[in-house]
C-alpha cells in the first residue's frame, strides 16, 4: 500500500498482470456473494452508466417483480434499440470483506453476465477495475482489497445463474 500525504494510492504494476501478460482482451468478471449465494460472472464495466440485474438473475436470487421498486429509466442498447427497465432492486453484495448496498436496474435481456456493475458501483466503492490486470482494487477499513477475475466465463464449468 502506498500512502501519499493523507491519501492512500491504489496502483497496478506488471506484477499484477495475469499469467499470459498483455496478450488478452478479456472483460473483467468477478464472483460476489449475494443473499447467502455465490454469484459468478459479475461483469465490471466502467463504460456503463447503470448497474444491471437481468430478470433471470433476480428470479434466481429469490426476488419477484413485486419486490422491484419503480423506475422511469429507459436503456438504449448497443444496437440503438430501447429497453424498458422493469424496476429497481437494492441488493447487498459481498465483495471481498466488504458489503455494498447496490441499486440495480432490472432488465429482461439475454446476457453473458449474471450482474453488471457499472460506474455507479465503481464510484461508490471507490474501486479501480483493470481489465488488463484482470482485477479490481478498492480500500476497505484502511486496507487495499484486491479481487481477482474469475477467469474466462466461456471456459467455466459452472452454469450461469
C-alpha atoms as a PDB file:
ATOM      1  CA  UNK A   1       0.000   0.000   0.000  1.00  0.00           C
ATOM      2  CA  UNK A   2       1.347   3.406  -0.937  1.00  0.00           C
ATOM      3  CA  UNK A   3       0.428   6.479   1.090  1.00  0.00           C
ATOM      4  CA  UNK A   4       0.985   9.996  -0.209  1.00  0.00           C
ATOM      5  CA  UNK A   5       0.248  12.651   2.369  1.00  0.00           C
ATOM      6  CA  UNK A   6      -3.042  11.540   3.863  1.00  0.00           C
ATOM      7  CA  UNK A   7      -4.241   9.750   0.734  1.00  0.00           C
ATOM      8  CA  UNK A   8      -3.811   6.058   0.085  1.00  0.00           C
ATOM      9  CA  UNK A   9      -2.996   5.295  -3.535  1.00  0.00           C
ATOM     10  CA  UNK A  10      -4.009   2.208  -5.434  1.00  0.00           C
ATOM     11  CA  UNK A  11      -1.526   1.135  -8.068  1.00  0.00           C
ATOM     12  CA  UNK A  12      -1.195  -1.679 -10.573  1.00  0.00           C
ATOM     13  CA  UNK A  13       2.176  -2.974 -11.715  1.00  0.00           C
ATOM     14  CA  UNK A  14       3.473  -5.635 -14.081  1.00  0.00           C
ATOM     15  CA  UNK A  15       3.369  -7.996 -11.089  1.00  0.00           C
ATOM     16  CA  UNK A  16      -0.431  -7.666 -11.219  1.00  0.00           C
ATOM     17  CA  UNK A  17      -0.652  -8.924 -14.810  1.00  0.00           C
ATOM     18  CA  UNK A  18      -2.301 -12.303 -15.441  1.00  0.00           C
ATOM     19  CA  UNK A  19      -0.040 -15.249 -16.416  1.00  0.00           C
ATOM     20  CA  UNK A  20      -0.452 -14.549 -20.148  1.00  0.00           C
ATOM     21  CA  UNK A  21       0.520 -10.901 -19.598  1.00  0.00           C
ATOM     22  CA  UNK A  22      -0.758  -8.324 -22.041  1.00  0.00           C
ATOM     23  CA  UNK A  23      -1.890 -10.910 -24.578  1.00  0.00           C
ATOM     24  CA  UNK A  24      -5.631 -10.892 -23.911  1.00  0.00           C
ATOM     25  CA  UNK A  25      -8.772  -8.837 -24.483  1.00  0.00           C
ATOM     26  CA  UNK A  26     -10.923 -10.445 -21.772  1.00  0.00           C
ATOM     27  CA  UNK A  27     -13.556  -8.419 -19.945  1.00  0.00           C
ATOM     28  CA  UNK A  28     -13.326  -8.310 -16.144  1.00  0.00           C
ATOM     29  CA  UNK A  29     -15.639 -10.810 -14.431  1.00  0.00           C
ATOM     30  CA  UNK A  30     -15.628 -11.389 -10.666  1.00  0.00           C
ATOM     31  CA  UNK A  31     -17.624 -13.520  -8.241  1.00  0.00           C
ATOM     32  CA  UNK A  32     -19.646 -11.873  -5.451  1.00  0.00           C
ATOM     33  CA  UNK A  33     -21.798 -13.027  -2.565  1.00  0.00           C
ATOM     34  CA  UNK A  34     -25.481 -12.165  -2.538  1.00  0.00           C
ATOM     35  CA  UNK A  35     -28.321 -13.407  -0.327  1.00  0.00           C
ATOM     36  CA  UNK A  36     -26.066 -16.162   1.009  1.00  0.00           C
ATOM     37  CA  UNK A  37     -25.279 -17.381  -2.506  1.00  0.00           C
ATOM     38  CA  UNK A  38     -22.188 -17.251  -4.647  1.00  0.00           C
ATOM     39  CA  UNK A  39     -22.856 -15.288  -7.840  1.00  0.00           C
ATOM     40  CA  UNK A  40     -20.271 -15.838 -10.603  1.00  0.00           C
ATOM     41  CA  UNK A  41     -19.985 -13.951 -13.890  1.00  0.00           C
ATOM     42  CA  UNK A  42     -20.367 -10.437 -12.483  1.00  0.00           C
ATOM     43  CA  UNK A  43     -19.141  -8.052 -15.175  1.00  0.00           C
ATOM     44  CA  UNK A  44     -17.344  -4.845 -14.155  1.00  0.00           C
ATOM     45  CA  UNK A  45     -17.927  -2.268 -16.874  1.00  0.00           C
ATOM     46  CA  UNK A  46     -16.744   1.294 -16.412  1.00  0.00           C
ATOM     47  CA  UNK A  47     -18.476   2.142 -19.692  1.00  0.00           C
ATOM     48  CA  UNK A  48     -21.918   1.511 -18.186  1.00  0.00           C
ATOM     49  CA  UNK A  49     -23.904   4.274 -16.512  1.00  0.00           C
ATOM     50  CA  UNK A  50     -26.079   1.709 -14.712  1.00  0.00           C
ATOM     51  CA  UNK A  51     -25.791  -1.360 -12.518  1.00  0.00           C
ATOM     52  CA  UNK A  52     -27.830  -4.038 -14.303  1.00  0.00           C
ATOM     53  CA  UNK A  53     -29.569  -7.107 -12.895  1.00  0.00           C
ATOM     54  CA  UNK A  54     -31.096  -9.320 -15.592  1.00  0.00           C
ATOM     55  CA  UNK A  55     -34.589 -10.552 -14.705  1.00  0.00           C
ATOM     56  CA  UNK A  56     -33.374 -14.179 -14.774  1.00  0.00           C
ATOM     57  CA  UNK A  57     -30.755 -13.381 -12.119  1.00  0.00           C
ATOM     58  CA  UNK A  58     -33.267 -11.530  -9.930  1.00  0.00           C
ATOM     59  CA  UNK A  59     -35.592 -14.542 -10.022  1.00  0.00           C
ATOM     60  CA  UNK A  60     -32.712 -16.983  -9.349  1.00  0.00           C
ATOM     61  CA  UNK A  61     -31.814 -14.902  -6.268  1.00  0.00           C
ATOM     62  CA  UNK A  62     -35.381 -15.217  -4.971  1.00  0.00           C
ATOM     63  CA  UNK A  63     -36.778 -11.828  -5.979  1.00  0.00           C
ATOM     64  CA  UNK A  64     -40.156 -11.383  -7.665  1.00  0.00           C
ATOM     65  CA  UNK A  65     -41.375  -8.452  -9.777  1.00  0.00           C
ATOM     66  CA  UNK A  66     -43.425  -7.358  -6.753  1.00  0.00           C
ATOM     67  CA  UNK A  67     -40.074  -6.709  -4.979  1.00  0.00           C
ATOM     68  CA  UNK A  68     -38.960  -4.225  -7.642  1.00  0.00           C
ATOM     69  CA  UNK A  69     -39.021  -0.520  -6.945  1.00  0.00           C
ATOM     70  CA  UNK A  70     -40.301   1.920  -9.547  1.00  0.00           C
ATOM     71  CA  UNK A  71     -38.138   3.108 -12.407  1.00  0.00           C
ATOM     72  CA  UNK A  72     -38.706   5.551 -15.217  1.00  0.00           C
ATOM     73  CA  UNK A  73     -35.409   4.673 -16.898  1.00  0.00           C
ATOM     74  CA  UNK A  74     -35.149   3.596 -20.500  1.00  0.00           C
ATOM     75  CA  UNK A  75     -31.951   1.935 -21.626  1.00  0.00           C
ATOM     76  CA  UNK A  76     -30.575   2.268 -25.115  1.00  0.00           C
ATOM     77  CA  UNK A  77     -28.698  -0.873 -26.170  1.00  0.00           C
ATOM     78  CA  UNK A  78     -25.616  -1.030 -28.380  1.00  0.00           C
ATOM     79  CA  UNK A  79     -27.799  -1.631 -31.435  1.00  0.00           C
ATOM     80  CA  UNK A  80     -29.682   1.611 -30.601  1.00  0.00           C
ATOM     81  CA  UNK A  81     -32.857  -0.236 -29.566  1.00  0.00           C
ATOM     82  CA  UNK A  82     -34.671   0.908 -26.428  1.00  0.00           C
ATOM     83  CA  UNK A  83     -35.244  -1.397 -23.462  1.00  0.00           C
ATOM     84  CA  UNK A  84     -37.678  -0.563 -20.692  1.00  0.00           C
ATOM     85  CA  UNK A  85     -36.411  -1.042 -17.162  1.00  0.00           C
ATOM     86  CA  UNK A  86     -38.766  -3.375 -15.269  1.00  0.00           C
ATOM     87  CA  UNK A  87     -37.884  -1.799 -11.931  1.00  0.00           C
ATOM     88  CA  UNK A  88     -35.098  -1.372  -9.420  1.00  0.00           C
ATOM     89  CA  UNK A  89     -33.642  -3.662  -6.773  1.00  0.00           C
ATOM     90  CA  UNK A  90     -31.402  -2.753  -3.844  1.00  0.00           C
ATOM     91  CA  UNK A  91     -29.126  -5.756  -3.336  1.00  0.00           C
ATOM     92  CA  UNK A  92     -26.411  -6.233  -0.710  1.00  0.00           C
ATOM     93  CA  UNK A  93     -23.274  -7.555  -2.392  1.00  0.00           C
ATOM     94  CA  UNK A  94     -20.398  -9.154  -0.506  1.00  0.00           C
ATOM     95  CA  UNK A  95     -17.190  -8.363  -2.385  1.00  0.00           C
ATOM     96  CA  UNK A  96     -14.101  -9.459  -0.528  1.00  0.00           C
ATOM     97  CA  UNK A  97     -14.588  -8.445   3.119  1.00  0.00           C
ATOM     98  CA  UNK A  98     -16.863  -5.510   2.227  1.00  0.00           C
ATOM     99  CA  UNK A  99     -20.634  -5.307   1.810  1.00  0.00           C
ATOM    100  CA  UNK A 100     -22.093  -2.829  -0.664  1.00  0.00           C
ATOM    101  CA  UNK A 101     -25.807  -1.949  -0.863  1.00  0.00           C
ATOM    102  CA  UNK A 102     -26.170  -1.582  -4.600  1.00  0.00           C
ATOM    103  CA  UNK A 103     -29.072  -0.231  -6.659  1.00  0.00           C
ATOM    104  CA  UNK A 104     -29.695  -2.278  -9.812  1.00  0.00           C
ATOM    105  CA  UNK A 105     -31.920  -1.631 -12.805  1.00  0.00           C
ATOM    106  CA  UNK A 106     -33.763  -4.862 -13.659  1.00  0.00           C
ATOM    107  CA  UNK A 107     -33.980  -5.649 -17.368  1.00  0.00           C
ATOM    108  CA  UNK A 108     -35.465  -8.556 -19.306  1.00  0.00           C
ATOM    109  CA  UNK A 109     -32.480  -9.146 -21.585  1.00  0.00           C
ATOM    110  CA  UNK A 110     -30.297 -12.056 -22.701  1.00  0.00           C
ATOM    111  CA  UNK A 111     -26.792 -11.532 -21.318  1.00  0.00           C
ATOM    112  CA  UNK A 112     -23.370 -13.057 -20.850  1.00  0.00           C
ATOM    113  CA  UNK A 113     -23.357 -11.952 -17.196  1.00  0.00           C
ATOM    114  CA  UNK A 114     -25.346 -12.504 -14.009  1.00  0.00           C
ATOM    115  CA  UNK A 115     -24.902  -8.918 -12.786  1.00  0.00           C
ATOM    116  CA  UNK A 116     -23.261  -5.868 -14.309  1.00  0.00           C
ATOM    117  CA  UNK A 117     -21.513  -3.411 -12.015  1.00  0.00           C
ATOM    118  CA  UNK A 118     -21.159  -0.097 -13.811  1.00  0.00           C
ATOM    119  CA  UNK A 119     -19.911   3.332 -12.806  1.00  0.00           C
ATOM    120  CA  UNK A 120     -22.483   3.795 -10.006  1.00  0.00           C
ATOM    121  CA  UNK A 121     -20.954   0.875  -8.052  1.00  0.00           C
ATOM    122  CA  UNK A 122     -17.386   1.627  -9.145  1.00  0.00           C
ATOM    123  CA  UNK A 123     -17.685   5.210  -7.859  1.00  0.00           C
ATOM    124  CA  UNK A 124     -19.489   4.352  -4.595  1.00  0.00           C
ATOM    125  CA  UNK A 125     -16.892   1.665  -3.826  1.00  0.00           C
ATOM    126  CA  UNK A 126     -14.094   3.977  -4.998  1.00  0.00           C
ATOM    127  CA  UNK A 127     -12.920   0.923  -6.876  1.00  0.00           C
ATOM    128  CA  UNK A 128     -10.299   0.781  -9.591  1.00  0.00           C
ATOM    129  CA  UNK A 129     -11.095  -2.028 -12.042  1.00  0.00           C
ATOM    130  CA  UNK A 130      -8.438  -3.106 -14.531  1.00  0.00           C
ATOM    131  CA  UNK A 131      -9.406  -5.451 -17.333  1.00  0.00           C
ATOM    132  CA  UNK A 132      -5.726  -5.510 -18.362  1.00  0.00           C
ATOM    133  CA  UNK A 133      -4.678  -6.806 -14.939  1.00  0.00           C
ATOM    134  CA  UNK A 134      -7.900  -8.848 -14.516  1.00  0.00           C
ATOM    135  CA  UNK A 135      -8.558  -7.483 -11.018  1.00  0.00           C
ATOM    136  CA  UNK A 136     -10.331  -4.744  -9.154  1.00  0.00           C
ATOM    137  CA  UNK A 137      -8.877  -2.939  -6.150  1.00  0.00           C
ATOM    138  CA  UNK A 138     -10.560  -0.799  -3.506  1.00  0.00           C
ATOM    139  CA  UNK A 139      -9.878   0.358   0.031  1.00  0.00           C
ATOM    140  CA  UNK A 140     -11.835  -1.133   2.933  1.00  0.00           C
ATOM    141  CA  UNK A 141     -11.069  -0.420   6.589  1.00  0.00           C
ATOM    142  CA  UNK A 142      -7.756   1.167   5.611  1.00  0.00           C
ATOM    143  CA  UNK A 143      -6.590  -1.861   3.617  1.00  0.00           C
ATOM    144  CA  UNK A 144      -6.295  -2.285  -0.139  1.00  0.00           C
ATOM    145  CA  UNK A 145      -8.548  -5.159  -1.180  1.00  0.00           C
ATOM    146  CA  UNK A 146      -7.737  -6.973  -4.414  1.00  0.00           C
ATOM    147  CA  UNK A 147     -10.400  -9.113  -6.090  1.00  0.00           C
ATOM    148  CA  UNK A 148      -9.122 -11.240  -8.942  1.00  0.00           C
ATOM    149  CA  UNK A 149     -11.073 -12.110 -12.044  1.00  0.00           C
ATOM    150  CA  UNK A 150     -12.848 -15.430 -12.042  1.00  0.00           C
ATOM    151  CA  UNK A 151     -11.376 -16.080 -15.469  1.00  0.00           C
ATOM    152  CA  UNK A 152     -12.895 -16.774 -18.829  1.00  0.00           C
ATOM    153  CA  UNK A 153     -16.601 -17.431 -18.252  1.00  0.00           C
ATOM    154  CA  UNK A 154     -16.871 -19.266 -21.538  1.00  0.00           C
ATOM    155  CA  UNK A 155     -14.448 -21.908 -20.252  1.00  0.00           C
ATOM    156  CA  UNK A 156     -16.126 -22.108 -16.846  1.00  0.00           C
ATOM    157  CA  UNK A 157     -17.520 -25.446 -15.790  1.00  0.00           C
ATOM    158  CA  UNK A 158     -20.256 -23.997 -13.581  1.00  0.00           C
ATOM    159  CA  UNK A 159     -23.509 -22.819 -15.148  1.00  0.00           C
ATOM    160  CA  UNK A 160     -24.511 -19.188 -15.162  1.00  0.00           C
ATOM    161  CA  UNK A 161     -27.224 -18.492 -12.549  1.00  0.00           C
END
